[in-house]
PDB file of N, CA and C in Angstrom:
ATOM      1  N   MET A   1       0.833  -1.155   0.021  1.00  0.00           N
ATOM      2  CA  MET A   1       0.028  -0.006   0.015  1.00  0.00           C
ATOM      3  C   MET A   1       0.847   1.226  -0.021  1.00  0.00           C
ATOM      4  N   HIS A   2       1.285   1.631  -1.128  1.00  0.00           N
ATOM      5  CA  HIS A   2       2.115   2.733  -1.308  1.00  0.00           C
ATOM      6  C   HIS A   2       1.379   4.091  -1.084  1.00  0.00           C
ATOM      7  N   GLU A   3       0.031   3.973  -0.917  1.00  0.00           N
ATOM      8  CA  GLU A   3      -0.760   5.255  -0.652  1.00  0.00           C
ATOM      9  C   GLU A   3      -0.357   5.790   0.609  1.00  0.00           C
ATOM     10  N   ILE A   4      -0.077   5.004   1.675  1.00  0.00           N
ATOM     11  CA  ILE A   4       0.368   5.507   2.945  1.00  0.00           C
ATOM     12  C   ILE A   4       1.658   6.300   2.860  1.00  0.00           C
ATOM     13  N   GLY A   5       2.630   5.830   2.058  1.00  0.00           N
ATOM     14  CA  GLY A   5       3.830   6.553   1.892  1.00  0.00           C
ATOM     15  C   GLY A   5       3.633   7.824   1.149  1.00  0.00           C
ATOM     16  N   VAL A   6       2.730   7.813   0.194  1.00  0.00           N
ATOM     17  CA  VAL A   6       2.388   8.994  -0.548  1.00  0.00           C
ATOM     18  C   VAL A   6       1.764  10.095   0.408  1.00  0.00           C
ATOM     19  N   LEU A   7       0.840   9.569   1.279  1.00  0.00           N
ATOM     20  CA  LEU A   7       0.207  10.519   2.247  1.00  0.00           C
ATOM     21  C   LEU A   7       1.171  11.074   3.163  1.00  0.00           C
ATOM     22  N   TYR A   8       2.106  10.241   3.738  1.00  0.00           N
ATOM     23  CA  TYR A   8       3.113  10.730   4.663  1.00  0.00           C
ATOM     24  C   TYR A   8       3.985  11.876   4.001  1.00  0.00           C
ATOM     25  N   LYS A   9       4.375  11.615   2.686  1.00  0.00           N
ATOM     26  CA  LYS A   9       5.171  12.604   2.074  1.00  0.00           C
ATOM     27  C   LYS A   9       4.394  13.922   1.743  1.00  0.00           C
ATOM     28  N   MET A  10       3.085  13.713   1.318  1.00  0.00           N
ATOM     29  CA  MET A  10       2.233  14.888   1.134  1.00  0.00           C
ATOM     30  C   MET A  10       2.113  15.707   2.437  1.00  0.00           C
ATOM     31  N   VAL A  11       1.866  15.069   3.575  1.00  0.00           N
ATOM     32  CA  VAL A  11       1.666  15.744   4.836  1.00  0.00           C
ATOM     33  C   VAL A  11       2.999  16.484   5.194  1.00  0.00           C
ATOM     34  N   GLU A  12       4.149  15.869   4.899  1.00  0.00           N
ATOM     35  CA  GLU A  12       5.409  16.493   5.164  1.00  0.00           C
ATOM     36  C   GLU A  12       5.513  17.797   4.363  1.00  0.00           C
ATOM     37  N   GLN A  13       5.150  17.718   3.153  1.00  0.00           N
ATOM     38  CA  GLN A  13       5.225  18.879   2.252  1.00  0.00           C
ATOM     39  C   GLN A  13       4.307  20.059   2.752  1.00  0.00           C
ATOM     40  N   VAL A  14       3.073  19.654   3.128  1.00  0.00           N
ATOM     41  CA  VAL A  14       2.223  20.660   3.691  1.00  0.00           C
ATOM     42  C   VAL A  14       2.731  21.271   5.013  1.00  0.00           C
ATOM     43  N   GLU A  15       3.257  20.419   5.773  1.00  0.00           N
ATOM     44  CA  GLU A  15       3.871  20.971   7.088  1.00  0.00           C
ATOM     45  C   GLU A  15       5.006  21.976   6.767  1.00  0.00           C
ATOM     46  N   ALA A  16       5.875  21.619   5.770  1.00  0.00           N
ATOM     47  CA  ALA A  16       6.866  22.548   5.359  1.00  0.00           C
ATOM     48  C   ALA A  16       6.334  23.886   4.874  1.00  0.00           C
ATOM     49  N   VAL A  17       5.351  23.827   4.031  1.00  0.00           N
ATOM     50  CA  VAL A  17       4.658  25.082   3.571  1.00  0.00           C
ATOM     51  C   VAL A  17       4.071  25.844   4.705  1.00  0.00           C
ATOM     52  N   ALA A  18       3.396  25.115   5.613  1.00  0.00           N
ATOM     53  CA  ALA A  18       2.755  25.789   6.715  1.00  0.00           C
ATOM     54  C   ALA A  18       3.764  26.456   7.596  1.00  0.00           C
ATOM     55  N   LYS A  19       4.941  25.816   7.843  1.00  0.00           N
ATOM     56  CA  LYS A  19       5.988  26.414   8.640  1.00  0.00           C
ATOM     57  C   LYS A  19       6.512  27.661   7.990  1.00  0.00           C
ATOM     58  N   GLN A  20       6.757  27.508   6.668  1.00  0.00           N
ATOM     59  CA  GLN A  20       7.361  28.668   5.882  1.00  0.00           C
ATOM     60  C   GLN A  20       6.384  29.839   5.890  1.00  0.00           C
ATOM     61  N   GLN A  21       5.098  29.602   5.730  1.00  0.00           N
ATOM     62  CA  GLN A  21       4.117  30.623   5.716  1.00  0.00           C
ATOM     63  C   GLN A  21       3.469  31.008   7.020  1.00  0.00           C
ATOM     64  N   ASN A  22       3.976  30.432   8.043  1.00  0.00           N
ATOM     65  CA  ASN A  22       3.389  30.636   9.464  1.00  0.00           C
ATOM     66  C   ASN A  22       1.902  30.356   9.532  1.00  0.00           C
ATOM     67  N   LEU A  23       1.446  29.222   8.917  1.00  0.00           N
ATOM     68  CA  LEU A  23       0.072  28.842   8.962  1.00  0.00           C
ATOM     69  C   LEU A  23      -0.201  28.030  10.236  1.00  0.00           C
ATOM     70  N   GLU A  24      -1.348  28.275  10.831  1.00  0.00           N
ATOM     71  CA  GLU A  24      -1.688  27.582  12.135  1.00  0.00           C
ATOM     72  C   GLU A  24      -2.650  26.449  11.989  1.00  0.00           C
ATOM     73  N   GLN A  25      -3.488  26.463  10.961  1.00  0.00           N
ATOM     74  CA  GLN A  25      -4.515  25.421  10.841  1.00  0.00           C
ATOM     75  C   GLN A  25      -4.855  25.144   9.398  1.00  0.00           C
ATOM     76  N   ILE A  26      -4.757  23.875   9.005  1.00  0.00           N
ATOM     77  CA  ILE A  26      -5.177  23.485   7.691  1.00  0.00           C
ATOM     78  C   ILE A  26      -6.598  23.016   7.692  1.00  0.00           C
ATOM     79  N   ALA A  27      -7.407  23.551   6.734  1.00  0.00           N
ATOM     80  CA  ALA A  27      -8.833  23.239   6.692  1.00  0.00           C
ATOM     81  C   ALA A  27      -9.013  22.082   5.563  1.00  0.00           C
ATOM     82  N   VAL A  28      -8.424  22.329   4.430  1.00  0.00           N
ATOM     83  CA  VAL A  28      -8.609  21.275   3.318  1.00  0.00           C
ATOM     84  C   VAL A  28      -7.245  21.179   2.551  1.00  0.00           C
ATOM     85  N   ILE A  29      -7.044  19.983   2.090  1.00  0.00           N
ATOM     86  CA  ILE A  29      -5.937  19.728   1.219  1.00  0.00           C
ATOM     87  C   ILE A  29      -6.584  19.136   0.017  1.00  0.00           C
ATOM     88  N   GLU A  30      -6.366  19.836  -1.191  1.00  0.00           N
ATOM     89  CA  GLU A  30      -6.941  19.360  -2.395  1.00  0.00           C
ATOM     90  C   GLU A  30      -5.888  18.707  -3.255  1.00  0.00           C
ATOM     91  N   VAL A  31      -6.112  17.464  -3.702  1.00  0.00           N
ATOM     92  CA  VAL A  31      -5.131  16.805  -4.594  1.00  0.00           C
ATOM     93  C   VAL A  31      -5.892  16.271  -5.848  1.00  0.00           C
ATOM     94  N   GLU A  32      -5.050  16.086  -6.899  1.00  0.00           N
ATOM     95  CA  GLU A  32      -5.558  15.503  -8.122  1.00  0.00           C
ATOM     96  C   GLU A  32      -4.807  14.190  -8.259  1.00  0.00           C
ATOM     97  N   VAL A  33      -5.619  13.107  -8.510  1.00  0.00           N
ATOM     98  CA  VAL A  33      -5.052  11.803  -8.626  1.00  0.00           C
ATOM     99  C   VAL A  33      -5.475  11.233 -10.011  1.00  0.00           C
ATOM    100  N   GLY A  34      -4.558  10.876 -10.796  1.00  0.00           N
ATOM    101  CA  GLY A  34      -4.796  10.288 -12.134  1.00  0.00           C
ATOM    102  C   GLY A  34      -5.244   8.872 -11.999  1.00  0.00           C
ATOM    103  N   GLU A  35      -6.237   8.496 -12.846  1.00  0.00           N
ATOM    104  CA  GLU A  35      -6.731   7.101 -12.873  1.00  0.00           C
ATOM    105  C   GLU A  35      -5.598   6.066 -13.146  1.00  0.00           C
ATOM    106  N   LEU A  36      -4.569   6.527 -13.832  1.00  0.00           N
ATOM    107  CA  LEU A  36      -3.484   5.668 -14.277  1.00  0.00           C
ATOM    108  C   LEU A  36      -2.208   5.769 -13.332  1.00  0.00           C
ATOM    109  N   SER A  37      -2.354   6.550 -12.253  1.00  0.00           N
ATOM    110  CA  SER A  37      -1.272   6.790 -11.346  1.00  0.00           C
ATOM    111  C   SER A  37      -0.826   5.615 -10.513  1.00  0.00           C
ATOM    112  N   GLY A  38      -1.783   4.650 -10.367  1.00  0.00           N
ATOM    113  CA  GLY A  38      -1.572   3.536  -9.434  1.00  0.00           C
ATOM    114  C   GLY A  38      -1.823   3.845  -8.052  1.00  0.00           C
ATOM    115  N   ILE A  39      -2.334   5.069  -7.818  1.00  0.00           N
ATOM    116  CA  ILE A  39      -2.698   5.522  -6.417  1.00  0.00           C
ATOM    117  C   ILE A  39      -4.290   5.395  -6.383  1.00  0.00           C
ATOM    118  N   LEU A  40      -4.830   4.742  -5.470  1.00  0.00           N
ATOM    119  CA  LEU A  40      -6.170   4.469  -5.306  1.00  0.00           C
ATOM    120  C   LEU A  40      -6.840   5.499  -4.341  1.00  0.00           C
ATOM    121  N   PRO A  41      -7.754   6.328  -4.784  1.00  0.00           N
ATOM    122  CA  PRO A  41      -8.320   7.339  -3.904  1.00  0.00           C
ATOM    123  C   PRO A  41      -9.010   6.778  -2.688  1.00  0.00           C
ATOM    124  N   VAL A  42      -9.591   5.546  -2.751  1.00  0.00           N
ATOM    125  CA  VAL A  42     -10.271   4.997  -1.675  1.00  0.00           C
ATOM    126  C   VAL A  42      -9.252   4.737  -0.487  1.00  0.00           C
ATOM    127  N   PHE A  43      -8.040   4.395  -0.815  1.00  0.00           N
ATOM    128  CA  PHE A  43      -7.016   4.149   0.226  1.00  0.00           C
ATOM    129  C   PHE A  43      -6.485   5.538   0.817  1.00  0.00           C
ATOM    130  N   LEU A  44      -6.405   6.560  -0.024  1.00  0.00           N
ATOM    131  CA  LEU A  44      -6.001   7.884   0.470  1.00  0.00           C
ATOM    132  C   LEU A  44      -7.035   8.371   1.483  1.00  0.00           C
ATOM    133  N   GLU A  45      -8.326   8.196   1.097  1.00  0.00           N
ATOM    134  CA  GLU A  45      -9.368   8.590   2.014  1.00  0.00           C
ATOM    135  C   GLU A  45      -9.407   7.755   3.356  1.00  0.00           C
ATOM    136  N   LYS A  46      -9.094   6.530   3.158  1.00  0.00           N
ATOM    137  CA  LYS A  46      -9.062   5.619   4.393  1.00  0.00           C
ATOM    138  C   LYS A  46      -7.968   5.943   5.355  1.00  0.00           C
ATOM    139  N   TYR A  47      -6.772   6.173   4.768  1.00  0.00           N
ATOM    140  CA  TYR A  47      -5.602   6.325   5.633  1.00  0.00           C
ATOM    141  C   TYR A  47      -5.225   7.786   6.006  1.00  0.00           C
ATOM    142  N   TYR A  48      -5.874   8.738   5.339  1.00  0.00           N
ATOM    143  CA  TYR A  48      -5.566  10.180   5.706  1.00  0.00           C
ATOM    144  C   TYR A  48      -5.764  10.442   7.197  1.00  0.00           C
ATOM    145  N   PRO A  49      -6.855  10.012   7.763  1.00  0.00           N
ATOM    146  CA  PRO A  49      -7.109  10.258   9.224  1.00  0.00           C
ATOM    147  C   PRO A  49      -5.959   9.656  10.089  1.00  0.00           C
ATOM    148  N   ILE A  50      -5.435   8.515   9.727  1.00  0.00           N
ATOM    149  CA  ILE A  50      -4.392   7.839  10.472  1.00  0.00           C
ATOM    150  C   ILE A  50      -3.071   8.644  10.294  1.00  0.00           C
ATOM    151  N   VAL A  51      -2.810   9.091   9.119  1.00  0.00           N
ATOM    152  CA  VAL A  51      -1.510   9.808   8.868  1.00  0.00           C
ATOM    153  C   VAL A  51      -1.510  11.138   9.587  1.00  0.00           C
ATOM    154  N   ILE A  52      -2.643  11.833   9.698  1.00  0.00           N
ATOM    155  CA  ILE A  52      -2.647  13.181  10.389  1.00  0.00           C
ATOM    156  C   ILE A  52      -3.000  13.059  11.889  1.00  0.00           C
ATOM    157  N   GLU A  53      -3.116  11.794  12.403  1.00  0.00           N
ATOM    158  CA  GLU A  53      -3.480  11.702  13.793  1.00  0.00           C
ATOM    159  C   GLU A  53      -2.413  12.349  14.683  1.00  0.00           C
ATOM    160  N   ASN A  54      -2.879  13.062  15.632  1.00  0.00           N
ATOM    161  CA  ASN A  54      -2.050  13.798  16.694  1.00  0.00           C
ATOM    162  C   ASN A  54      -1.279  14.959  16.020  1.00  0.00           C
ATOM    163  N   LYS A  55      -1.655  15.404  14.923  1.00  0.00           N
ATOM    164  CA  LYS A  55      -0.972  16.599  14.280  1.00  0.00           C
ATOM    165  C   LYS A  55      -1.992  17.741  14.368  1.00  0.00           C
ATOM    166  N   VAL A  56      -1.688  18.650  15.247  1.00  0.00           N
ATOM    167  CA  VAL A  56      -2.571  19.773  15.566  1.00  0.00           C
ATOM    168  C   VAL A  56      -2.833  20.575  14.326  1.00  0.00           C
ATOM    169  N   LEU A  57      -1.866  20.785  13.472  1.00  0.00           N
ATOM    170  CA  LEU A  57      -1.991  21.592  12.255  1.00  0.00           C
ATOM    171  C   LEU A  57      -3.117  21.058  11.348  1.00  0.00           C
ATOM    172  N   PHE A  58      -3.347  19.750  11.390  1.00  0.00           N
ATOM    173  CA  PHE A  58      -4.390  19.115  10.486  1.00  0.00           C
ATOM    174  C   PHE A  58      -5.649  18.824  11.232  1.00  0.00           C
ATOM    175  N   GLU A  59      -5.833  19.201  12.443  1.00  0.00           N
ATOM    176  CA  GLU A  59      -7.027  18.762  13.254  1.00  0.00           C
ATOM    177  C   GLU A  59      -8.288  19.252  12.507  1.00  0.00           C
ATOM    178  N   ALA A  60      -9.167  18.351  12.298  1.00  0.00           N
ATOM    179  CA  ALA A  60     -10.474  18.530  11.622  1.00  0.00           C
ATOM    180  C   ALA A  60     -10.287  18.950  10.111  1.00  0.00           C
ATOM    181  N   SER A  61      -9.145  18.626   9.574  1.00  0.00           N
ATOM    182  CA  SER A  61      -8.937  18.924   8.131  1.00  0.00           C
ATOM    183  C   SER A  61      -9.558  17.856   7.234  1.00  0.00           C
ATOM    184  N   GLU A  62      -9.772  18.231   5.966  1.00  0.00           N
ATOM    185  CA  GLU A  62     -10.273  17.281   4.949  1.00  0.00           C
ATOM    186  C   GLU A  62      -9.361  17.052   3.842  1.00  0.00           C
ATOM    187  N   LEU A  63      -9.380  15.915   3.269  1.00  0.00           N
ATOM    188  CA  LEU A  63      -8.701  15.575   2.117  1.00  0.00           C
ATOM    189  C   LEU A  63      -9.717  15.601   0.900  1.00  0.00           C
ATOM    190  N   CYS A  64      -9.543  16.450  -0.029  1.00  0.00           N
ATOM    191  CA  CYS A  64     -10.484  16.522  -1.167  1.00  0.00           C
ATOM    192  C   CYS A  64      -9.728  16.027  -2.366  1.00  0.00           C
ATOM    193  N   ILE A  65     -10.331  15.014  -2.985  1.00  0.00           N
ATOM    194  CA  ILE A  65      -9.634  14.268  -4.087  1.00  0.00           C
ATOM    195  C   ILE A  65     -10.398  14.527  -5.395  1.00  0.00           C
ATOM    196  N   GLN A  66      -9.726  14.964  -6.410  1.00  0.00           N
ATOM    197  CA  GLN A  66     -10.347  15.055  -7.798  1.00  0.00           C
ATOM    198  C   GLN A  66      -9.588  13.988  -8.597  1.00  0.00           C
ATOM    199  N   VAL A  67     -10.359  13.117  -9.185  1.00  0.00           N
ATOM    200  CA  VAL A  67      -9.831  11.999 -10.049  1.00  0.00           C
ATOM    201  C   VAL A  67      -9.716  12.530 -11.434  1.00  0.00           C
ATOM    202  N   ILE A  68      -8.536  12.438 -12.020  1.00  0.00           N
ATOM    203  CA  ILE A  68      -8.164  12.884 -13.362  1.00  0.00           C
ATOM    204  C   ILE A  68      -8.275  11.627 -14.260  1.00  0.00           C
ATOM    205  N   PRO A  69      -9.165  11.742 -15.289  1.00  0.00           N
ATOM    206  CA  PRO A  69      -9.325  10.587 -16.190  1.00  0.00           C
ATOM    207  C   PRO A  69      -8.099  10.218 -16.906  1.00  0.00           C
ATOM    208  N   GLY A  70      -7.907   8.942 -17.133  1.00  0.00           N
ATOM    209  CA  GLY A  70      -6.793   8.356 -17.942  1.00  0.00           C
ATOM    210  C   GLY A  70      -7.127   8.485 -19.419  1.00  0.00           C
ATOM    211  N   GLN A  71      -6.583   9.548 -20.019  1.00  0.00           N
ATOM    212  CA  GLN A  71      -6.862   9.708 -21.446  1.00  0.00           C
ATOM    213  C   GLN A  71      -5.732   9.253 -22.300  1.00  0.00           C
ATOM    214  N   ALA A  72      -6.153   8.714 -23.475  1.00  0.00           N
ATOM    215  CA  ALA A  72      -5.174   8.222 -24.449  1.00  0.00           C
ATOM    216  C   ALA A  72      -5.598   8.589 -25.857  1.00  0.00           C
ATOM    217  N   LEU A  73      -4.559   8.620 -26.682  1.00  0.00           N
ATOM    218  CA  LEU A  73      -4.816   8.834 -28.149  1.00  0.00           C
ATOM    219  C   LEU A  73      -4.419   7.605 -28.833  1.00  0.00           C
ATOM    220  N   CYS A  74      -5.343   6.967 -29.621  1.00  0.00           N
ATOM    221  CA  CYS A  74      -4.995   5.742 -30.341  1.00  0.00           C
ATOM    222  C   CYS A  74      -3.955   6.018 -31.358  1.00  0.00           C
ATOM    223  N   CYS A  75      -2.917   5.283 -31.462  1.00  0.00           N
ATOM    224  CA  CYS A  75      -1.817   5.406 -32.451  1.00  0.00           C
ATOM    225  C   CYS A  75      -2.296   5.030 -33.830  1.00  0.00           C
ATOM    226  N   ASP A  76      -3.310   4.220 -33.976  1.00  0.00           N
ATOM    227  CA  ASP A  76      -3.750   3.750 -35.294  1.00  0.00           C
ATOM    228  C   ASP A  76      -4.881   4.602 -35.916  1.00  0.00           C
ATOM    229  N   CYS A  77      -5.835   5.007 -35.111  1.00  0.00           N
ATOM    230  CA  CYS A  77      -6.921   5.799 -35.751  1.00  0.00           C
ATOM    231  C   CYS A  77      -7.113   7.215 -35.174  1.00  0.00           C
ATOM    232  N   GLN A  78      -6.219   7.621 -34.194  1.00  0.00           N
ATOM    233  CA  GLN A  78      -6.220   8.899 -33.601  1.00  0.00           C
ATOM    234  C   GLN A  78      -7.467   9.284 -32.773  1.00  0.00           C
ATOM    235  N   THR A  79      -8.156   8.267 -32.237  1.00  0.00           N
ATOM    236  CA  THR A  79      -9.327   8.422 -31.404  1.00  0.00           C
ATOM    237  C   THR A  79      -8.847   8.765 -29.979  1.00  0.00           C
ATOM    238  N   LEU A  80      -9.443   9.724 -29.395  1.00  0.00           N
ATOM    239  CA  LEU A  80      -9.186  10.088 -27.986  1.00  0.00           C
ATOM    240  C   LEU A  80     -10.194   9.259 -27.153  1.00  0.00           C
ATOM    241  N   TYR A  81      -9.683   8.615 -26.150  1.00  0.00           N
ATOM    242  CA  TYR A  81     -10.560   7.743 -25.320  1.00  0.00           C
ATOM    243  C   TYR A  81     -10.021   7.634 -23.851  1.00  0.00           C
ATOM    244  N   ASN A  82     -10.991   7.200 -22.923  1.00  0.00           N
ATOM    245  CA  ASN A  82     -10.637   6.944 -21.655  1.00  0.00           C
ATOM    246  C   ASN A  82     -10.104   5.500 -21.505  1.00  0.00           C
ATOM    247  N   VAL A  83      -8.904   5.381 -21.062  1.00  0.00           N
ATOM    248  CA  VAL A  83      -8.198   4.107 -20.974  1.00  0.00           C
ATOM    249  C   VAL A  83      -8.943   3.186 -20.046  1.00  0.00           C
ATOM    250  N   MET A  84      -9.288   3.610 -18.797  1.00  0.00           N
ATOM    251  CA  MET A  84      -9.911   2.730 -17.818  1.00  0.00           C
ATOM    252  C   MET A  84     -11.301   2.225 -18.262  1.00  0.00           C
ATOM    253  N   LYS A  85     -12.156   3.135 -18.795  1.00  0.00           N
ATOM    254  CA  LYS A  85     -13.416   2.767 -19.227  1.00  0.00           C
ATOM    255  C   LYS A  85     -13.411   1.803 -20.400  1.00  0.00           C
ATOM    256  N   ASN A  86     -12.402   1.850 -21.160  1.00  0.00           N
ATOM    257  CA  ASN A  86     -12.296   0.964 -22.361  1.00  0.00           C
ATOM    258  C   ASN A  86     -11.221  -0.099 -22.167  1.00  0.00           C
ATOM    259  N   GLU A  87     -10.777  -0.393 -20.944  1.00  0.00           N
ATOM    260  CA  GLU A  87      -9.875  -1.408 -20.647  1.00  0.00           C
ATOM    261  C   GLU A  87      -8.672  -1.434 -21.445  1.00  0.00           C
ATOM    262  N   GLY A  88      -8.173  -0.269 -21.841  1.00  0.00           N
ATOM    263  CA  GLY A  88      -6.945  -0.070 -22.552  1.00  0.00           C
ATOM    264  C   GLY A  88      -6.989  -0.262 -24.104  1.00  0.00           C
ATOM    265  N   THR A  89      -8.239  -0.533 -24.520  1.00  0.00           N
ATOM    266  CA  THR A  89      -8.435  -0.759 -25.983  1.00  0.00           C
ATOM    267  C   THR A  89      -9.194   0.412 -26.610  1.00  0.00           C
ATOM    268  N   CYS A  90      -8.743   0.796 -27.742  1.00  0.00           N
ATOM    269  CA  CYS A  90      -9.445   1.790 -28.528  1.00  0.00           C
ATOM    270  C   CYS A  90     -10.924   1.332 -28.778  1.00  0.00           C
ATOM    271  N   PRO A  91     -11.873   2.234 -28.478  1.00  0.00           N
ATOM    272  CA  PRO A  91     -13.309   1.792 -28.711  1.00  0.00           C
ATOM    273  C   PRO A  91     -13.728   1.872 -30.217  1.00  0.00           C
ATOM    274  N   LYS A  92     -12.885   2.525 -30.976  1.00  0.00           N
ATOM    275  CA  LYS A  92     -13.209   2.648 -32.513  1.00  0.00           C
ATOM    276  C   LYS A  92     -12.616   1.506 -33.284  1.00  0.00           C
ATOM    277  N   CYS A  93     -11.289   1.306 -33.091  1.00  0.00           N
ATOM    278  CA  CYS A  93     -10.658   0.316 -33.908  1.00  0.00           C
ATOM    279  C   CYS A  93     -10.065  -0.966 -33.153  1.00  0.00           C
ATOM    280  N   GLU A  94     -10.244  -0.912 -31.766  1.00  0.00           N
ATOM    281  CA  GLU A  94      -9.844  -1.991 -30.942  1.00  0.00           C
ATOM    282  C   GLU A  94      -8.327  -2.235 -30.840  1.00  0.00           C
ATOM    283  N   SER A  95      -7.583  -1.182 -31.238  1.00  0.00           N
ATOM    284  CA  SER A  95      -6.092  -1.246 -31.096  1.00  0.00           C
ATOM    285  C   SER A  95      -5.728  -1.009 -29.634  1.00  0.00           C
ATOM    286  N   ARG A  96      -4.580  -1.588 -29.186  1.00  0.00           N
ATOM    287  CA  ARG A  96      -4.116  -1.421 -27.867  1.00  0.00           C
ATOM    288  C   ARG A  96      -2.936  -0.433 -27.930  1.00  0.00           C
ATOM    289  N   GLU A  97      -2.518  -0.080 -29.090  1.00  0.00           N
ATOM    290  CA  GLU A  97      -1.420   0.922 -29.267  1.00  0.00           C
ATOM    291  C   GLU A  97      -1.965   2.345 -29.018  1.00  0.00           C
ATOM    292  N   LYS A  98      -1.319   2.955 -28.033  1.00  0.00           N
ATOM    293  CA  LYS A  98      -1.813   4.303 -27.571  1.00  0.00           C
ATOM    294  C   LYS A  98      -0.734   5.160 -27.050  1.00  0.00           C
ATOM    295  N   THR A  99      -0.973   6.449 -27.003  1.00  0.00           N
ATOM    296  CA  THR A  99      -0.122   7.456 -26.359  1.00  0.00           C
ATOM    297  C   THR A  99      -0.945   7.976 -25.211  1.00  0.00           C
ATOM    298  N   ILE A 100      -0.399   7.744 -23.967  1.00  0.00           N
ATOM    299  CA  ILE A 100      -1.137   8.273 -22.797  1.00  0.00           C
ATOM    300  C   ILE A 100      -0.982   9.771 -22.693  1.00  0.00           C
ATOM    301  N   LEU A 101      -2.066  10.505 -22.618  1.00  0.00           N
ATOM    302  CA  LEU A 101      -2.121  11.973 -22.568  1.00  0.00           C
ATOM    303  C   LEU A 101      -2.313  12.527 -21.166  1.00  0.00           C
ATOM    304  N   GLY A 102      -2.915  11.746 -20.341  1.00  0.00           N
ATOM    305  CA  GLY A 102      -3.180  12.249 -18.961  1.00  0.00           C
ATOM    306  C   GLY A 102      -3.684  11.160 -18.109  1.00  0.00           C
ATOM    307  N   GLY A 103      -3.595  11.402 -16.765  1.00  0.00           N
ATOM    308  CA  GLY A 103      -4.098  10.371 -15.880  1.00  0.00           C
ATOM    309  C   GLY A 103      -3.081   9.652 -14.998  1.00  0.00           C
ATOM    310  N   ARG A 104      -1.780  10.132 -15.165  1.00  0.00           N
ATOM    311  CA  ARG A 104      -0.710   9.461 -14.475  1.00  0.00           C
ATOM    312  C   ARG A 104      -0.288  10.356 -13.262  1.00  0.00           C
ATOM    313  N   GLU A 105      -0.817  11.469 -13.167  1.00  0.00           N
ATOM    314  CA  GLU A 105      -0.448  12.520 -12.170  1.00  0.00           C
ATOM    315  C   GLU A 105      -0.963  12.254 -10.727  1.00  0.00           C
ATOM    316  N   PHE A 106      -0.152  12.832  -9.821  1.00  0.00           N
ATOM    317  CA  PHE A 106      -0.566  12.986  -8.454  1.00  0.00           C
ATOM    318  C   PHE A 106      -0.136  14.418  -8.069  1.00  0.00           C
ATOM    319  N   ILE A 107      -1.070  15.292  -7.909  1.00  0.00           N
ATOM    320  CA  ILE A 107      -0.746  16.718  -7.741  1.00  0.00           C
ATOM    321  C   ILE A 107      -1.359  17.195  -6.431  1.00  0.00           C
ATOM    322  N   LEU A 108      -0.505  17.841  -5.586  1.00  0.00           N
ATOM    323  CA  LEU A 108      -0.988  18.626  -4.428  1.00  0.00           C
ATOM    324  C   LEU A 108      -1.358  19.951  -4.982  1.00  0.00           C
ATOM    325  N   LYS A 109      -2.708  20.103  -5.111  1.00  0.00           N
ATOM    326  CA  LYS A 109      -3.215  21.279  -5.843  1.00  0.00           C
ATOM    327  C   LYS A 109      -3.371  22.549  -5.002  1.00  0.00           C
ATOM    328  N   ASN A 110      -3.989  22.362  -3.822  1.00  0.00           N
ATOM    329  CA  ASN A 110      -4.317  23.527  -2.959  1.00  0.00           C
ATOM    330  C   ASN A 110      -4.231  23.141  -1.536  1.00  0.00           C
ATOM    331  N   ILE A 111      -3.769  24.098  -0.748  1.00  0.00           N
ATOM    332  CA  ILE A 111      -3.833  23.928   0.746  1.00  0.00           C
ATOM    333  C   ILE A 111      -4.736  25.180   1.198  1.00  0.00           C
ATOM    334  N   ILE A 112      -5.871  24.818   1.812  1.00  0.00           N
ATOM    335  CA  ILE A 112      -6.811  25.841   2.243  1.00  0.00           C
ATOM    336  C   ILE A 112      -6.673  25.895   3.805  1.00  0.00           C
ATOM    337  N   ILE A 113      -6.487  27.045   4.242  1.00  0.00           N
ATOM    338  CA  ILE A 113      -6.231  27.301   5.663  1.00  0.00           C
ATOM    339  C   ILE A 113      -7.505  27.662   6.407  1.00  0.00           C
ATOM    340  N   ARG A 114      -7.581  27.434   7.687  1.00  0.00           N
ATOM    341  CA  ARG A 114      -8.746  27.793   8.497  1.00  0.00           C
ATOM    342  C   ARG A 114      -8.283  29.080   9.221  1.00  0.00           C
ATOM    343  N   GLN A 115      -9.104  30.072   9.054  1.00  0.00           N
ATOM    344  CA  GLN A 115      -8.902  31.388   9.691  1.00  0.00           C
ATOM    345  C   GLN A 115      -9.231  31.360  11.149  1.00  0.00           C
ATOM    346  N   ASN A 116      -8.435  31.728  12.031  1.00  0.00           N
ATOM    347  CA  ASN A 116      -8.770  31.809  13.393  1.00  0.00           C
ATOM    348  C   ASN A 116      -9.585  33.148  13.660  1.00  0.00           C
ATOM    349  N   ARG A 117     -10.694  33.000  14.234  1.00  0.00           N
ATOM    350  CA  ARG A 117     -11.548  34.164  14.569  1.00  0.00           C
ATOM    351  C   ARG A 117     -11.215  34.646  15.939  1.00  0.00           C
ATOM    352  N   GLU A 118     -10.845  35.882  16.084  1.00  0.00           N
ATOM    353  CA  GLU A 118     -10.561  36.443  17.387  1.00  0.00           C
ATOM    354  C   GLU A 118     -11.414  37.624  17.712  1.00  0.00           C
TER     355      GLU A 118
END
């Protein structure tokens, strides 16, 4: 389950940014996860509370995940298609030869802070 390692690294990066920017409380971490990245959003959601446990900076924070479709261009007929939905095969010509255009990424997109009201 490499998702746990990915989460630990992401939390480390957010902690570094928070320290640099003097942030006191994280409300939301937004990430983009490609369908073809090998990272399963269900495990990110499951293990996020464990990774942030006892970290005051992340208390009551949320992990918001946007799944990026795995898009490919067929090398034979130039059809653009979703790799996952079509099980890696072009829906037009049934070729498996493709150029992956997107869906391999894991991006820490936004860190939303909670404003302290005084």
